[in-house]
């Protein structure tokens, strides 16, 4: 993969751990509401992390095929799963060579 580097992975994991630590320190474990808020933050943090990972993967796949991934950014932000599926279908299209004639 072209895009992923050790520096990027370490930076993203460090940001994840810092954010997780901040969420755990600010959570109020004594109430049921605190548990719900903590769980919501945990799910949001994982969702954002997964979205970043998928978009970096899309960048890598587009670079390997010589395509522009930035056209897919706004649709990806609005609807990540369908955009990723359409992106994969788009990249799997067979390119027809020009006919000679």
PDB file of N, CA and C in Angstrom:
ATOM      1  N   UNK A   1       0.841  -1.181   0.000  1.00  0.00           N
ATOM      2  CA  UNK A   1       0.000   0.000   0.000  1.00  0.00           C
ATOM      3  C   UNK A   1       0.884   1.241   0.000  1.00  0.00           C
ATOM      4  N   UNK A   2       0.511   2.191  -0.812  1.00  0.00           N
ATOM      5  CA  UNK A   2       1.306   3.402  -0.948  1.00  0.00           C
ATOM      6  C   UNK A   2       1.088   4.382   0.199  1.00  0.00           C
ATOM      7  N   UNK A   3      -0.145   4.528   0.649  1.00  0.00           N
ATOM      8  CA  UNK A   3      -0.505   5.614   1.556  1.00  0.00           C
ATOM      9  C   UNK A   3      -0.140   5.320   3.005  1.00  0.00           C
ATOM     10  N   UNK A   4      -0.388   4.098   3.456  1.00  0.00           N
ATOM     11  CA  UNK A   4      -0.123   3.761   4.853  1.00  0.00           C
ATOM     12  C   UNK A   4       1.376   3.758   5.115  1.00  0.00           C
ATOM     13  N   UNK A   5       1.759   4.428   6.166  1.00  0.00           N
ATOM     14  CA  UNK A   5       3.141   4.399   6.601  1.00  0.00           C
ATOM     15  C   UNK A   5       3.136   4.196   8.108  1.00  0.00           C
ATOM     16  N   UNK A   6       4.260   3.785   8.644  1.00  0.00           N
ATOM     17  CA  UNK A   6       4.340   3.578  10.092  1.00  0.00           C
ATOM     18  C   UNK A   6       4.062   4.875  10.838  1.00  0.00           C
ATOM     19  N   UNK A   7       4.552   5.981  10.299  1.00  0.00           N
ATOM     20  CA  UNK A   7       4.339   7.274  10.945  1.00  0.00           C
ATOM     21  C   UNK A   7       2.848   7.621  11.014  1.00  0.00           C
ATOM     22  N   UNK A   8       2.115   7.394   9.915  1.00  0.00           N
ATOM     23  CA  UNK A   8       0.684   7.676   9.885  1.00  0.00           C
ATOM     24  C   UNK A   8      -0.071   6.781  10.859  1.00  0.00           C
ATOM     25  N   UNK A   9       0.258   5.499  10.861  1.00  0.00           N
ATOM     26  CA  UNK A   9      -0.423   4.553  11.748  1.00  0.00           C
ATOM     27  C   UNK A   9      -0.160   4.899  13.213  1.00  0.00           C
ATOM     28  N   UNK A  10       1.074   5.191  13.553  1.00  0.00           N
ATOM     29  CA  UNK A  10       1.399   5.546  14.941  1.00  0.00           C
ATOM     30  C   UNK A  10       0.687   6.830  15.345  1.00  0.00           C
ATOM     31  N   UNK A  11       0.635   7.808  14.449  1.00  0.00           N
ATOM     32  CA  UNK A  11      -0.051   9.065  14.746  1.00  0.00           C
ATOM     33  C   UNK A  11      -1.541   8.835  14.968  1.00  0.00           C
ATOM     34  N   UNK A  12      -2.186   8.073  14.072  1.00  0.00           N
ATOM     35  CA  UNK A  12      -3.616   7.807  14.219  1.00  0.00           C
ATOM     36  C   UNK A  12      -3.917   7.002  15.480  1.00  0.00           C
ATOM     37  N   UNK A  13      -3.092   6.005  15.781  1.00  0.00           N
ATOM     38  CA  UNK A  13      -3.305   5.234  17.016  1.00  0.00           C
ATOM     39  C   UNK A  13      -3.094   6.101  18.260  1.00  0.00           C
ATOM     40  N   UNK A  14      -2.102   6.973  18.201  1.00  0.00           N
ATOM     41  CA  UNK A  14      -1.868   7.885  19.323  1.00  0.00           C
ATOM     42  C   UNK A  14      -3.047   8.823  19.539  1.00  0.00           C
ATOM     43  N   UNK A  15      -3.586   9.375  18.455  1.00  0.00           N
ATOM     44  CA  UNK A  15      -4.766  10.239  18.571  1.00  0.00           C
ATOM     45  C   UNK A  15      -5.959   9.473  19.118  1.00  0.00           C
ATOM     46  N   UNK A  16      -6.121   8.230  18.669  1.00  0.00           N
ATOM     47  CA  UNK A  16      -7.203   7.393  19.176  1.00  0.00           C
ATOM     48  C   UNK A  16      -7.066   7.178  20.682  1.00  0.00           C
ATOM     49  N   UNK A  17      -5.864   6.837  21.119  1.00  0.00           N
ATOM     50  CA  UNK A  17      -5.654   6.583  22.544  1.00  0.00           C
ATOM     51  C   UNK A  17      -5.827   7.848  23.386  1.00  0.00           C
ATOM     52  N   UNK A  18      -5.353   8.985  22.881  1.00  0.00           N
ATOM     53  CA  UNK A  18      -5.552  10.243  23.603  1.00  0.00           C
ATOM     54  C   UNK A  18      -7.032  10.596  23.723  1.00  0.00           C
ATOM     55  N   UNK A  19      -7.762  10.439  22.628  1.00  0.00           N
ATOM     56  CA  UNK A  19      -9.192  10.730  22.660  1.00  0.00           C
ATOM     57  C   UNK A  19      -9.917   9.760  23.583  1.00  0.00           C
ATOM     58  N   UNK A  20      -9.576   8.488  23.514  1.00  0.00           N
ATOM     59  CA  UNK A  20     -10.184   7.490  24.387  1.00  0.00           C
ATOM     60  C   UNK A  20      -9.888   7.801  25.851  1.00  0.00           C
ATOM     61  N   UNK A  21      -8.644   8.161  26.143  1.00  0.00           N
ATOM     62  CA  UNK A  21      -8.296   8.528  27.517  1.00  0.00           C
ATOM     63  C   UNK A  21      -9.098   9.723  28.001  1.00  0.00           C
ATOM     64  N   UNK A  22      -9.250  10.719  27.144  1.00  0.00           N
ATOM     65  CA  UNK A  22     -10.063  11.881  27.504  1.00  0.00           C
ATOM     66  C   UNK A  22     -11.512  11.511  27.753  1.00  0.00           C
ATOM     67  N   UNK A  23     -12.050  10.627  26.935  1.00  0.00           N
ATOM     68  CA  UNK A  23     -13.433  10.187  27.138  1.00  0.00           C
ATOM     69  C   UNK A  23     -13.592   9.420  28.444  1.00  0.00           C
ATOM     70  N   UNK A  24     -12.622   8.570  28.749  1.00  0.00           N
ATOM     71  CA  UNK A  24     -12.721   7.784  29.982  1.00  0.00           C
ATOM     72  C   UNK A  24     -12.548   8.652  31.223  1.00  0.00           C
ATOM     73  N   UNK A  25     -11.709   9.675  31.137  1.00  0.00           N
ATOM     74  CA  UNK A  25     -11.512  10.554  32.288  1.00  0.00           C
ATOM     75  C   UNK A  25     -12.702  11.458  32.548  1.00  0.00           C
ATOM     76  N   UNK A  26     -13.433  11.814  31.510  1.00  0.00           N
ATOM     77  CA  UNK A  26     -14.570  12.716  31.691  1.00  0.00           C
ATOM     78  C   UNK A  26     -15.876  11.977  31.920  1.00  0.00           C
ATOM     79  N   UNK A  27     -15.887  10.656  31.785  1.00  0.00           N
ATOM     80  CA  UNK A  27     -17.110   9.880  31.979  1.00  0.00           C
ATOM     81  C   UNK A  27     -17.458   9.811  33.456  1.00  0.00           C
ATOM     82  N   UNK A  28     -18.747   9.811  33.736  1.00  0.00           N
ATOM     83  CA  UNK A  28     -19.241   9.685  35.108  1.00  0.00           C
ATOM     84  C   UNK A  28     -19.778   8.265  35.274  1.00  0.00           C
ATOM     85  N   UNK A  29     -19.005   7.377  35.904  1.00  0.00           N
ATOM     86  CA  UNK A  29     -19.407   5.970  35.963  1.00  0.00           C
ATOM     87  C   UNK A  29     -20.518   5.678  36.978  1.00  0.00           C
ATOM     88  N   UNK A  30     -20.862   6.636  37.853  1.00  0.00           N
ATOM     89  CA  UNK A  30     -21.829   6.356  38.910  1.00  0.00           C
ATOM     90  C   UNK A  30     -23.270   6.344  38.423  1.00  0.00           C
ATOM     91  N   UNK A  31     -23.551   6.937  37.285  1.00  0.00           N
ATOM     92  CA  UNK A  31     -24.933   6.999  36.833  1.00  0.00           C
ATOM     93  C   UNK A  31     -25.117   6.200  35.544  1.00  0.00           C
ATOM     94  N   UNK A  32     -26.356   5.793  35.322  1.00  0.00           N
ATOM     95  CA  UNK A  32     -26.669   5.067  34.093  1.00  0.00           C
ATOM     96  C   UNK A  32     -26.493   5.978  32.885  1.00  0.00           C
ATOM     97  N   UNK A  33     -26.778   7.258  33.047  1.00  0.00           N
ATOM     98  CA  UNK A  33     -26.619   8.221  31.963  1.00  0.00           C
ATOM     99  C   UNK A  33     -25.147   8.351  31.577  1.00  0.00           C
ATOM    100  N   UNK A  34     -24.250   8.298  32.536  1.00  0.00           N
ATOM    101  CA  UNK A  34     -22.818   8.361  32.259  1.00  0.00           C
ATOM    102  C   UNK A  34     -22.365   7.185  31.413  1.00  0.00           C
ATOM    103  N   UNK A  35     -22.918   6.011  31.662  1.00  0.00           N
ATOM    104  CA  UNK A  35     -22.586   4.829  30.884  1.00  0.00           C
ATOM    105  C   UNK A  35     -23.067   4.983  29.445  1.00  0.00           C
ATOM    106  N   UNK A  36     -24.269   5.521  29.293  1.00  0.00           N
ATOM    107  CA  UNK A  36     -24.817   5.720  27.949  1.00  0.00           C
ATOM    108  C   UNK A  36     -23.985   6.723  27.165  1.00  0.00           C
ATOM    109  N   UNK A  37     -23.591   7.815  27.790  1.00  0.00           N
ATOM    110  CA  UNK A  37     -22.777   8.819  27.116  1.00  0.00           C
ATOM    111  C   UNK A  37     -21.410   8.242  26.768  1.00  0.00           C
ATOM    112  N   UNK A  38     -20.816   7.494  27.690  1.00  0.00           N
ATOM    113  CA  UNK A  38     -19.520   6.881  27.438  1.00  0.00           C
ATOM    114  C   UNK A  38     -19.601   5.894  26.273  1.00  0.00           C
ATOM    115  N   UNK A  39     -20.655   5.090  26.238  1.00  0.00           N
ATOM    116  CA  UNK A  39     -20.833   4.128  25.152  1.00  0.00           C
ATOM    117  C   UNK A  39     -21.025   4.847  23.823  1.00  0.00           C
ATOM    118  N   UNK A  40     -21.797   5.924  23.825  1.00  0.00           N
ATOM    119  CA  UNK A  40     -22.016   6.705  22.604  1.00  0.00           C
ATOM    120  C   UNK A  40     -20.709   7.296  22.109  1.00  0.00           C
ATOM    121  N   UNK A  41     -19.897   7.832  23.004  1.00  0.00           N
ATOM    122  CA  UNK A  41     -18.603   8.385  22.611  1.00  0.00           C
ATOM    123  C   UNK A  41     -17.688   7.299  22.043  1.00  0.00           C
ATOM    124  N   UNK A  42     -17.705   6.133  22.672  1.00  0.00           N
ATOM    125  CA  UNK A  42     -16.878   5.018  22.213  1.00  0.00           C
ATOM    126  C   UNK A  42     -17.282   4.603  20.799  1.00  0.00           C
ATOM    127  N   UNK A  43     -18.582   4.505  20.557  1.00  0.00           N
ATOM    128  CA  UNK A  43     -19.060   4.120  19.235  1.00  0.00           C
ATOM    129  C   UNK A  43     -18.719   5.187  18.197  1.00  0.00           C
ATOM    130  N   UNK A  44     -18.861   6.446  18.561  1.00  0.00           N
ATOM    131  CA  UNK A  44     -18.537   7.535  17.636  1.00  0.00           C
ATOM    132  C   UNK A  44     -17.042   7.539  17.312  1.00  0.00           C
ATOM    133  N   UNK A  45     -16.211   7.357  18.313  1.00  0.00           N
ATOM    134  CA  UNK A  45     -14.765   7.332  18.105  1.00  0.00           C
ATOM    135  C   UNK A  45     -14.368   6.192  17.175  1.00  0.00           C
ATOM    136  N   UNK A  46     -14.942   5.016  17.377  1.00  0.00           N
ATOM    137  CA  UNK A  46     -14.644   3.885  16.505  1.00  0.00           C
ATOM    138  C   UNK A  46     -15.175   4.103  15.096  1.00  0.00           C
ATOM    139  N   UNK A  47     -16.345   4.709  14.976  1.00  0.00           N
ATOM    140  CA  UNK A  47     -16.903   4.992  13.655  1.00  0.00           C
ATOM    141  C   UNK A  47     -16.051   5.967  12.866  1.00  0.00           C
ATOM    142  N   UNK A  48     -15.589   7.024  13.530  1.00  0.00           N
ATOM    143  CA  UNK A  48     -14.721   7.999  12.858  1.00  0.00           C
ATOM    144  C   UNK A  48     -13.394   7.343  12.470  1.00  0.00           C
ATOM    145  N   UNK A  49     -12.828   6.552  13.369  1.00  0.00           N
ATOM    146  CA  UNK A  49     -11.573   5.856  13.062  1.00  0.00           C
ATOM    147  C   UNK A  49     -11.715   4.912  11.882  1.00  0.00           C
ATOM    148  N   UNK A  50     -12.812   4.172  11.840  1.00  0.00           N
ATOM    149  CA  UNK A  50     -13.049   3.259  10.723  1.00  0.00           C
ATOM    150  C   UNK A  50     -13.233   4.028   9.422  1.00  0.00           C
ATOM    151  N   UNK A  51     -13.938   5.155   9.472  1.00  0.00           N
ATOM    152  CA  UNK A  51     -14.132   5.969   8.269  1.00  0.00           C
ATOM    153  C   UNK A  51     -12.808   6.504   7.741  1.00  0.00           C
ATOM    154  N   UNK A  52     -11.945   6.940   8.638  1.00  0.00           N
ATOM    155  CA  UNK A  52     -10.621   7.420   8.214  1.00  0.00           C
ATOM    156  C   UNK A  52      -9.838   6.281   7.571  1.00  0.00           C
ATOM    157  N   UNK A  53      -9.871   5.099   8.188  1.00  0.00           N
ATOM    158  CA  UNK A  53      -9.151   3.956   7.643  1.00  0.00           C
ATOM    159  C   UNK A  53      -9.664   3.600   6.255  1.00  0.00           C
ATOM    160  N   UNK A  54     -10.984   3.579   6.073  1.00  0.00           N
ATOM    161  CA  UNK A  54     -11.562   3.219   4.779  1.00  0.00           C
ATOM    162  C   UNK A  54     -11.199   4.260   3.727  1.00  0.00           C
ATOM    163  N   UNK A  55     -11.238   5.554   4.075  1.00  0.00           N
ATOM    164  CA  UNK A  55     -10.913   6.569   3.080  1.00  0.00           C
ATOM    165  C   UNK A  55      -9.437   6.516   2.700  1.00  0.00           C
ATOM    166  N   UNK A  56      -8.566   6.247   3.645  1.00  0.00           N
ATOM    167  CA  UNK A  56      -7.142   6.097   3.307  1.00  0.00           C
ATOM    168  C   UNK A  56      -6.960   4.885   2.393  1.00  0.00           C
ATOM    169  N   UNK A  57      -7.712   3.827   2.637  1.00  0.00           N
ATOM    170  CA  UNK A  57      -7.668   2.660   1.745  1.00  0.00           C
ATOM    171  C   UNK A  57      -8.136   3.048   0.348  1.00  0.00           C
ATOM    172  N   UNK A  58      -9.195   3.861   0.269  1.00  0.00           N
ATOM    173  CA  UNK A  58      -9.698   4.317  -1.027  1.00  0.00           C
ATOM    174  C   UNK A  58      -8.637   5.149  -1.758  1.00  0.00           C
ATOM    175  N   UNK A  59      -7.929   6.001  -1.022  1.00  0.00           N
ATOM    176  CA  UNK A  59      -6.851   6.794  -1.618  1.00  0.00           C
ATOM    177  C   UNK A  59      -5.803   5.867  -2.215  1.00  0.00           C
ATOM    178  N   UNK A  60      -5.431   4.846  -1.458  1.00  0.00           N
ATOM    179  CA  UNK A  60      -4.418   3.903  -1.915  1.00  0.00           C
ATOM    180  C   UNK A  60      -4.873   3.163  -3.166  1.00  0.00           C
ATOM    181  N   UNK A  61      -6.107   2.677  -3.168  1.00  0.00           N
ATOM    182  CA  UNK A  61      -6.614   1.939  -4.320  1.00  0.00           C
ATOM    183  C   UNK A  61      -6.706   2.828  -5.551  1.00  0.00           C
ATOM    184  N   UNK A  62      -7.127   4.063  -5.367  1.00  0.00           N
ATOM    185  CA  UNK A  62      -7.233   4.987  -6.502  1.00  0.00           C
ATOM    186  C   UNK A  62      -5.850   5.314  -7.060  1.00  0.00           C
ATOM    187  N   UNK A  63      -4.877   5.500  -6.195  1.00  0.00           N
ATOM    188  CA  UNK A  63      -3.515   5.809  -6.665  1.00  0.00           C
ATOM    189  C   UNK A  63      -2.936   4.651  -7.457  1.00  0.00           C
ATOM    190  N   UNK A  64      -3.203   3.422  -7.029  1.00  0.00           N
ATOM    191  CA  UNK A  64      -2.675   2.261  -7.748  1.00  0.00           C
ATOM    192  C   UNK A  64      -3.281   2.147  -9.146  1.00  0.00           C
ATOM    193  N   UNK A  65      -4.496   2.647  -9.312  1.00  0.00           N
ATOM    194  CA  UNK A  65      -5.180   2.540 -10.602  1.00  0.00           C
ATOM    195  C   UNK A  65      -5.162   3.844 -11.398  1.00  0.00           C
ATOM    196  N   UNK A  66      -4.520   4.865 -10.866  1.00  0.00           N
ATOM    197  CA  UNK A  66      -4.423   6.132 -11.579  1.00  0.00           C
ATOM    198  C   UNK A  66      -5.727   6.896 -11.635  1.00  0.00           C
ATOM    199  N   UNK A  67      -6.571   6.771 -10.622  1.00  0.00           N
ATOM    200  CA  UNK A  67      -7.868   7.465 -10.568  1.00  0.00           C
ATOM    201  C   UNK A  67      -7.810   8.569  -9.528  1.00  0.00           C
ATOM    202  N   UNK A  68      -8.769   9.485  -9.592  1.00  0.00           N
ATOM    203  CA  UNK A  68      -8.851  10.595  -8.641  1.00  0.00           C
ATOM    204  C   UNK A  68      -9.857  10.243  -7.551  1.00  0.00           C
ATOM    205  N   UNK A  69      -9.395  10.111  -6.315  1.00  0.00           N
ATOM    206  CA  UNK A  69     -10.278   9.733  -5.209  1.00  0.00           C
ATOM    207  C   UNK A  69     -10.991  10.942  -4.615  1.00  0.00           C
ATOM    208  N   UNK A  70     -10.493  12.142  -4.826  1.00  0.00           N
ATOM    209  CA  UNK A  70     -11.062  13.314  -4.162  1.00  0.00           C
ATOM    210  C   UNK A  70     -12.451  13.654  -4.686  1.00  0.00           C
ATOM    211  N   UNK A  71     -12.822  13.136  -5.849  1.00  0.00           N
ATOM    212  CA  UNK A  71     -14.191  13.299  -6.333  1.00  0.00           C
ATOM    213  C   UNK A  71     -15.181  12.538  -5.448  1.00  0.00           C
ATOM    214  N   UNK A  72     -14.680  11.547  -4.738  1.00  0.00           N
ATOM    215  CA  UNK A  72     -15.520  10.694  -3.889  1.00  0.00           C
ATOM    216  C   UNK A  72     -15.604  11.197  -2.441  1.00  0.00           C
ATOM    217  N   UNK A  73     -14.886  12.254  -2.105  1.00  0.00           N
ATOM    218  CA  UNK A  73     -14.787  12.674  -0.697  1.00  0.00           C
ATOM    219  C   UNK A  73     -16.127  13.147  -0.126  1.00  0.00           C
ATOM    220  N   UNK A  74     -16.798  14.072  -0.796  1.00  0.00           N
ATOM    221  CA  UNK A  74     -18.071  14.602  -0.259  1.00  0.00           C
ATOM    222  C   UNK A  74     -19.122  13.501  -0.157  1.00  0.00           C
ATOM    223  N   UNK A  75     -19.324  12.681  -1.204  1.00  0.00           N
ATOM    224  CA  UNK A  75     -20.279  11.580  -1.023  1.00  0.00           C
ATOM    225  C   UNK A  75     -19.888  10.632   0.110  1.00  0.00           C
ATOM    226  N   UNK A  76     -18.575  10.425   0.292  1.00  0.00           N
ATOM    227  CA  UNK A  76     -18.121   9.537   1.368  1.00  0.00           C
ATOM    228  C   UNK A  76     -18.460  10.117   2.737  1.00  0.00           C
ATOM    229  N   UNK A  77     -18.305  11.426   2.901  1.00  0.00           N
ATOM    230  CA  UNK A  77     -18.632  12.061   4.186  1.00  0.00           C
ATOM    231  C   UNK A  77     -20.132  11.950   4.463  1.00  0.00           C
ATOM    232  N   UNK A  78     -20.939  12.096   3.434  1.00  0.00           N
ATOM    233  CA  UNK A  78     -22.394  12.054   3.616  1.00  0.00           C
ATOM    234  C   UNK A  78     -22.924  10.632   3.803  1.00  0.00           C
ATOM    235  N   UNK A  79     -22.369   9.663   3.096  1.00  0.00           N
ATOM    236  CA  UNK A  79     -22.840   8.275   3.180  1.00  0.00           C
ATOM    237  C   UNK A  79     -21.669   7.331   2.915  1.00  0.00           C
ATOM    238  N   UNK A  80     -20.890   6.992   3.948  1.00  0.00           N
ATOM    239  CA  UNK A  80     -19.658   6.207   3.743  1.00  0.00           C
ATOM    240  C   UNK A  80     -19.873   4.817   3.133  1.00  0.00           C
ATOM    241  N   UNK A  81     -20.820   4.059   3.629  1.00  0.00           N
ATOM    242  CA  UNK A  81     -20.971   2.675   3.156  1.00  0.00           C
ATOM    243  C   UNK A  81     -21.394   2.599   1.692  1.00  0.00           C
ATOM    244  N   UNK A  82     -22.472   3.285   1.269  1.00  0.00           N
ATOM    245  CA  UNK A  82     -22.831   3.186  -0.155  1.00  0.00           C
ATOM    246  C   UNK A  82     -21.752   3.756  -1.076  1.00  0.00           C
ATOM    247  N   UNK A  83     -21.087   4.825  -0.629  1.00  0.00           N
ATOM    248  CA  UNK A  83     -20.029   5.409  -1.458  1.00  0.00           C
ATOM    249  C   UNK A  83     -18.875   4.436  -1.618  1.00  0.00           C
ATOM    250  N   UNK A  84     -18.509   3.745  -0.556  1.00  0.00           N
ATOM    251  CA  UNK A  84     -17.431   2.760  -0.642  1.00  0.00           C
ATOM    252  C   UNK A  84     -17.812   1.624  -1.583  1.00  0.00           C
ATOM    253  N   UNK A  85     -19.057   1.176  -1.500  1.00  0.00           N
ATOM    254  CA  UNK A  85     -19.497   0.105  -2.400  1.00  0.00           C
ATOM    255  C   UNK A  85     -19.471   0.571  -3.849  1.00  0.00           C
ATOM    256  N   UNK A  86     -19.953   1.779  -4.127  1.00  0.00           N
ATOM    257  CA  UNK A  86     -19.917   2.308  -5.491  1.00  0.00           C
ATOM    258  C   UNK A  86     -18.485   2.498  -5.979  1.00  0.00           C
ATOM    259  N   UNK A  87     -17.614   2.935  -5.092  1.00  0.00           N
ATOM    260  CA  UNK A  87     -16.199   3.117  -5.425  1.00  0.00           C
ATOM    261  C   UNK A  87     -15.573   1.789  -5.855  1.00  0.00           C
ATOM    262  N   UNK A  88     -15.864   0.733  -5.115  1.00  0.00           N
ATOM    263  CA  UNK A  88     -15.322  -0.583  -5.442  1.00  0.00           C
ATOM    264  C   UNK A  88     -15.849  -1.055  -6.794  1.00  0.00           C
ATOM    265  N   UNK A  89     -17.162  -0.868  -7.031  1.00  0.00           N
ATOM    266  CA  UNK A  89     -17.734  -1.264  -8.323  1.00  0.00           C
ATOM    267  C   UNK A  89     -17.104  -0.440  -9.444  1.00  0.00           C
ATOM    268  N   UNK A  90     -16.909   0.845  -9.211  1.00  0.00           N
ATOM    269  CA  UNK A  90     -16.301   1.722 -10.210  1.00  0.00           C
ATOM    270  C   UNK A  90     -14.882   1.267 -10.554  1.00  0.00           C
ATOM    271  N   UNK A  91     -14.107   0.887  -9.540  1.00  0.00           N
ATOM    272  CA  UNK A  91     -12.741   0.454  -9.795  1.00  0.00           C
ATOM    273  C   UNK A  91     -12.666  -0.905 -10.480  1.00  0.00           C
ATOM    274  N   UNK A  92     -13.716  -1.710 -10.380  1.00  0.00           N
ATOM    275  CA  UNK A  92     -13.699  -3.033 -10.984  1.00  0.00           C
ATOM    276  C   UNK A  92     -14.182  -3.028 -12.429  1.00  0.00           C
ATOM    277  N   UNK A  93     -14.620  -1.869 -12.925  1.00  0.00           N
ATOM    278  CA  UNK A  93     -15.057  -1.808 -14.320  1.00  0.00           C
ATOM    279  C   UNK A  93     -13.907  -2.184 -15.255  1.00  0.00           C
ATOM    280  N   UNK A  94     -14.239  -2.904 -16.268  1.00  0.00           N
ATOM    281  CA  UNK A  94     -13.232  -3.237 -17.282  1.00  0.00           C
ATOM    282  C   UNK A  94     -13.085  -2.041 -18.209  1.00  0.00           C
ATOM    283  N   UNK A  95     -11.866  -1.689 -18.475  1.00  0.00           N
ATOM    284  CA  UNK A  95     -11.598  -0.591 -19.381  1.00  0.00           C
ATOM    285  C   UNK A  95     -11.518  -1.179 -20.790  1.00  0.00           C
ATOM    286  N   UNK A  96     -12.371  -0.695 -21.660  1.00  0.00           N
ATOM    287  CA  UNK A  96     -12.384  -1.175 -23.029  1.00  0.00           C
ATOM    288  C   UNK A  96     -11.315  -0.473 -23.838  1.00  0.00           C
ATOM    289  N   UNK A  97     -10.439  -1.228 -24.485  1.00  0.00           N
ATOM    290  CA  UNK A  97      -9.446  -0.576 -25.336  1.00  0.00           C
ATOM    291  C   UNK A  97     -10.144   0.077 -26.536  1.00  0.00           C
ATOM    292  N   UNK A  98      -9.601   1.158 -27.038  1.00  0.00           N
ATOM    293  CA  UNK A  98     -10.248   1.793 -28.194  1.00  0.00           C
ATOM    294  C   UNK A  98     -10.215   0.854 -29.397  1.00  0.00           C
ATOM    295  N   UNK A  99     -11.324   0.827 -30.101  1.00  0.00           N
ATOM    296  CA  UNK A  99     -11.384  -0.065 -31.272  1.00  0.00           C
ATOM    297  C   UNK A  99     -10.616   0.535 -32.444  1.00  0.00           C
ATOM    298  N   UNK A 100      -9.992  -0.351 -33.162  1.00  0.00           N
ATOM    299  CA  UNK A 100      -9.229   0.092 -34.347  1.00  0.00           C
ATOM    300  C   UNK A 100     -10.121  -0.112 -35.564  1.00  0.00           C
ATOM    301  N   UNK A 101     -10.195   0.890 -36.332  1.00  0.00           N
ATOM    302  CA  UNK A 101     -11.010   0.666 -37.491  1.00  0.00           C
ATOM    303  C   UNK A 101     -11.093   1.747 -38.450  1.00  0.00           C
TER     304      UNK A 101
END
